């Protein structure tokens, strides 16, 4: 959140690709202000409901969609989004058997990059561990590392003294041509 707030000047359109309980959605709503637009996605109805309640408590609003983040280009035009945030894994406080997967996440990451405007930022937090393994994390890292330098700047922010299963923040900045 700090990186996006410092990097984006006057964002107008942002996406929370994994609403969860709405923490990132609320952050994006505050970031774009009253003139901006925030879309939130989650495949779990309970996540959409939790996000809606969280936003209402804070006096914020977003367009929430109970849909896969891989479908985000059905809701926005390519090249128009200032920021897309992903927090992969599972819904905090919910059943751990429902979680994001490498295949679905890679499709969503591709859609998010297409949605970004030049200068826009994709932020993704990757997880691994006993419950979900690390296939999704490794697939996302391979994807990020394969992006052409002429088009993207990729930052992978590892914690040097934390466990391998610690959350791994990653940022992709779409270069201006």
Protein backbone atom coordinates (compact mmCIF):
# COMPACT_ATOMS: atom_id res chain seq x y z
CA UNK A 1 0.00 0.00 0.00
CA UNK A 2 2.79 2.43 0.86
CA UNK A 3 4.50 1.73 -2.47
CA UNK A 4 1.33 2.39 -4.46
CA UNK A 5 0.47 5.54 -2.52
CA UNK A 6 3.96 6.92 -3.16
CA UNK A 7 4.13 5.82 -6.80
CA UNK A 8 0.71 6.85 -8.13
CA UNK A 9 -0.14 10.51 -8.56
CA UNK A 10 -3.89 11.14 -8.77
CA UNK A 11 -5.07 7.62 -9.70
CA UNK A 12 -8.59 7.45 -11.16
CA UNK A 13 -9.19 3.73 -11.75
CA UNK A 14 -7.95 0.90 -9.54
CA UNK A 15 -8.76 -2.78 -9.13
CA UNK A 16 -8.61 -5.05 -6.11
CA UNK A 17 -8.41 -8.39 -7.90
CA UNK A 18 -8.77 -10.41 -4.67
CA UNK A 19 -11.16 -8.59 -2.31
CA UNK A 20 -10.92 -10.94 0.64
CA UNK A 21 -12.25 -8.92 3.58
CA UNK A 22 -11.84 -5.58 1.82
CA UNK A 23 -8.68 -4.13 3.34
CA UNK A 24 -7.01 -3.41 0.00
CA UNK A 25 -10.33 -2.34 -1.52
CA UNK A 26 -10.75 0.29 1.21
CA UNK A 27 -7.17 1.47 0.67
CA UNK A 28 -7.80 1.87 -3.06
CA UNK A 29 -11.05 3.76 -2.41
CA UNK A 30 -9.18 6.25 -0.23
CA UNK A 31 -6.38 6.46 -2.84
CA UNK A 32 -8.68 7.40 -5.74
CA UNK A 33 -10.87 9.71 -3.65
CA UNK A 34 -14.44 10.67 -4.46
CA UNK A 35 -13.71 11.28 -8.15
CA UNK A 36 -12.11 7.87 -8.75
CA UNK A 37 -13.44 4.40 -9.39
CA UNK A 38 -12.51 1.11 -7.70
CA UNK A 39 -13.53 -2.34 -8.86
CA UNK A 40 -13.23 -5.35 -6.58
CA UNK A 41 -13.29 -9.03 -7.55
CA UNK A 42 -13.59 -12.25 -5.62
CA UNK A 43 -15.03 -15.65 -6.50
CA UNK A 44 -16.45 -16.16 -3.02
CA UNK A 45 -19.79 -14.51 -2.18
CA UNK A 46 -18.76 -14.30 1.49
CA UNK A 47 -15.70 -12.23 0.49
CA UNK A 48 -17.87 -9.81 -1.49
CA UNK A 49 -20.27 -9.51 1.45
CA UNK A 50 -17.42 -8.96 3.91
CA UNK A 51 -15.85 -6.32 1.65
CA UNK A 52 -19.20 -4.55 1.21
CA UNK A 53 -19.66 -4.42 5.01
CA UNK A 54 -16.09 -3.22 5.57
CA UNK A 55 -16.51 -0.41 3.02
CA UNK A 56 -19.91 0.63 4.43
CA UNK A 57 -18.44 0.90 7.96
CA UNK A 58 -15.80 3.26 6.56
CA UNK A 59 -18.15 5.30 4.37
CA UNK A 60 -16.53 4.02 1.17
CA UNK A 61 -17.93 2.45 -2.00
CA UNK A 62 -16.59 0.28 -4.82
CA UNK A 63 -18.03 -1.74 -7.68
CA UNK A 64 -17.87 -5.31 -6.36
CA UNK A 65 -18.06 -8.32 -8.66
CA UNK A 66 -18.44 -11.95 -7.61
CA UNK A 67 -16.35 -13.11 -10.54
CA UNK A 68 -12.88 -14.41 -11.30
CA UNK A 69 -10.11 -11.85 -11.45
CA UNK A 70 -9.16 -13.44 -14.77
CA UNK A 71 -12.29 -11.76 -16.22
CA UNK A 72 -11.40 -8.20 -15.21
CA UNK A 73 -11.06 -7.07 -18.84
CA UNK A 74 -14.80 -7.63 -19.20
CA UNK A 75 -15.24 -4.65 -16.84
CA UNK A 76 -12.51 -2.19 -17.93
CA UNK A 77 -10.86 -1.13 -21.16
CA UNK A 78 -7.27 -2.26 -21.76
CA UNK A 79 -4.67 0.37 -20.94
CA UNK A 80 -6.87 2.40 -18.57
CA UNK A 81 -6.16 1.13 -15.04
CA UNK A 82 -3.75 2.86 -12.66
CA UNK A 83 -3.24 -0.06 -10.27
CA UNK A 84 -4.26 -3.68 -9.81
CA UNK A 85 -3.71 -5.35 -6.44
CA UNK A 86 -3.58 -9.10 -5.80
CA UNK A 87 -3.32 -10.81 -2.44
CA UNK A 88 -3.15 -14.46 -3.42
CA UNK A 89 -3.95 -17.42 -1.18
CA UNK A 90 -7.24 -17.81 0.65
CA UNK A 91 -9.88 -15.66 2.32
CA UNK A 92 -8.69 -14.88 5.86
CA UNK A 93 -10.94 -16.61 8.36
CA UNK A 94 -12.52 -18.89 5.74
CA UNK A 95 -12.04 -22.48 4.66
CA UNK A 96 -8.48 -23.05 3.40
CA UNK A 97 -9.56 -25.59 0.79
CA UNK A 98 -10.73 -22.68 -1.38
CA UNK A 99 -7.69 -20.78 -2.58
CA UNK A 100 -6.18 -19.29 -5.69
CA UNK A 101 -4.23 -21.56 -8.04
CA UNK A 102 -1.35 -21.10 -10.48
CA UNK A 103 -3.47 -21.55 -13.61
CA UNK A 104 -6.17 -19.06 -12.62
CA UNK A 105 -3.68 -16.60 -11.19
CA UNK A 106 -1.51 -16.52 -14.32
CA UNK A 107 -4.57 -15.74 -16.46
CA UNK A 108 -5.50 -12.95 -14.06
CA UNK A 109 -1.97 -11.51 -14.06
CA UNK A 110 -1.99 -11.40 -17.88
CA UNK A 111 -5.38 -9.65 -17.86
CA UNK A 112 -4.14 -7.18 -15.24
CA UNK A 113 -1.09 -6.25 -17.29
CA UNK A 114 -3.31 -5.64 -20.32
CA UNK A 115 -5.60 -3.48 -18.19
CA UNK A 116 -2.78 -1.28 -16.86
CA UNK A 117 -2.08 2.10 -18.41
CA UNK A 118 1.56 3.00 -19.13
CA UNK A 119 3.04 3.93 -15.75
CA UNK A 120 0.46 1.78 -13.96
CA UNK A 121 1.41 -0.69 -11.24
CA UNK A 122 0.48 -4.29 -10.55
CA UNK A 123 1.02 -5.25 -6.90
CA UNK A 124 0.90 -8.91 -5.90
CA UNK A 125 1.54 -10.59 -2.57
CA UNK A 126 2.45 -14.25 -3.02
CA UNK A 127 2.11 -16.94 -0.38
CA UNK A 128 3.20 -20.54 0.08
CA UNK A 129 2.99 -23.04 2.87
CA UNK A 130 1.78 -26.39 4.10
CA UNK A 131 -1.85 -25.88 3.09
CA UNK A 132 -1.43 -24.38 -0.40
CA UNK A 133 2.08 -25.48 -1.32
CA UNK A 134 4.19 -23.20 -3.47
CA UNK A 135 3.14 -23.98 -7.07
CA UNK A 136 1.25 -20.70 -7.46
CA UNK A 137 4.09 -18.67 -5.95
CA UNK A 138 6.70 -20.29 -8.19
CA UNK A 139 4.52 -19.91 -11.31
CA UNK A 140 3.92 -16.21 -10.58
CA UNK A 141 7.63 -15.62 -9.96
CA UNK A 142 8.55 -17.34 -13.23
CA UNK A 143 5.93 -15.24 -15.02
CA UNK A 144 7.24 -11.99 -13.50
CA UNK A 145 10.83 -12.86 -14.35
CA UNK A 146 9.86 -13.60 -17.97
CA UNK A 147 8.35 -10.15 -18.59
CA UNK A 148 10.36 -8.15 -21.14
CA UNK A 149 12.42 -5.31 -19.66
CA UNK A 150 11.44 -3.05 -22.56
CA UNK A 151 7.82 -3.21 -21.36
CA UNK A 152 7.95 -3.74 -17.59
CA UNK A 153 10.03 -3.11 -14.49
CA UNK A 154 9.61 -5.95 -11.99
CA UNK A 155 10.43 -5.71 -8.29
CA UNK A 156 10.42 -8.81 -6.07
CA UNK A 157 10.80 -7.79 -2.43
CA UNK A 158 12.20 -10.70 -0.45
CA UNK A 159 12.65 -10.63 3.31
CA UNK A 160 16.21 -11.89 3.75
CA UNK A 161 15.79 -13.10 7.33
CA UNK A 162 12.21 -14.44 7.17
CA UNK A 163 11.04 -17.98 6.40
CA UNK A 164 10.58 -19.06 2.77
CA UNK A 165 6.84 -19.14 3.44
CA UNK A 166 6.68 -15.43 4.39
CA UNK A 167 4.46 -13.23 2.21
CA UNK A 168 6.37 -12.08 -0.88
CA UNK A 169 5.43 -8.63 -2.22
CA UNK A 170 5.98 -8.15 -5.95
CA UNK A 171 5.44 -5.08 -8.13
CA UNK A 172 5.26 -4.71 -11.89
CA UNK A 173 5.42 -1.22 -13.37
CA UNK A 174 4.24 -0.94 -16.96
CA UNK A 175 6.76 1.19 -18.83
CA UNK A 176 5.70 4.25 -20.73
CA UNK A 177 6.60 4.03 -24.40
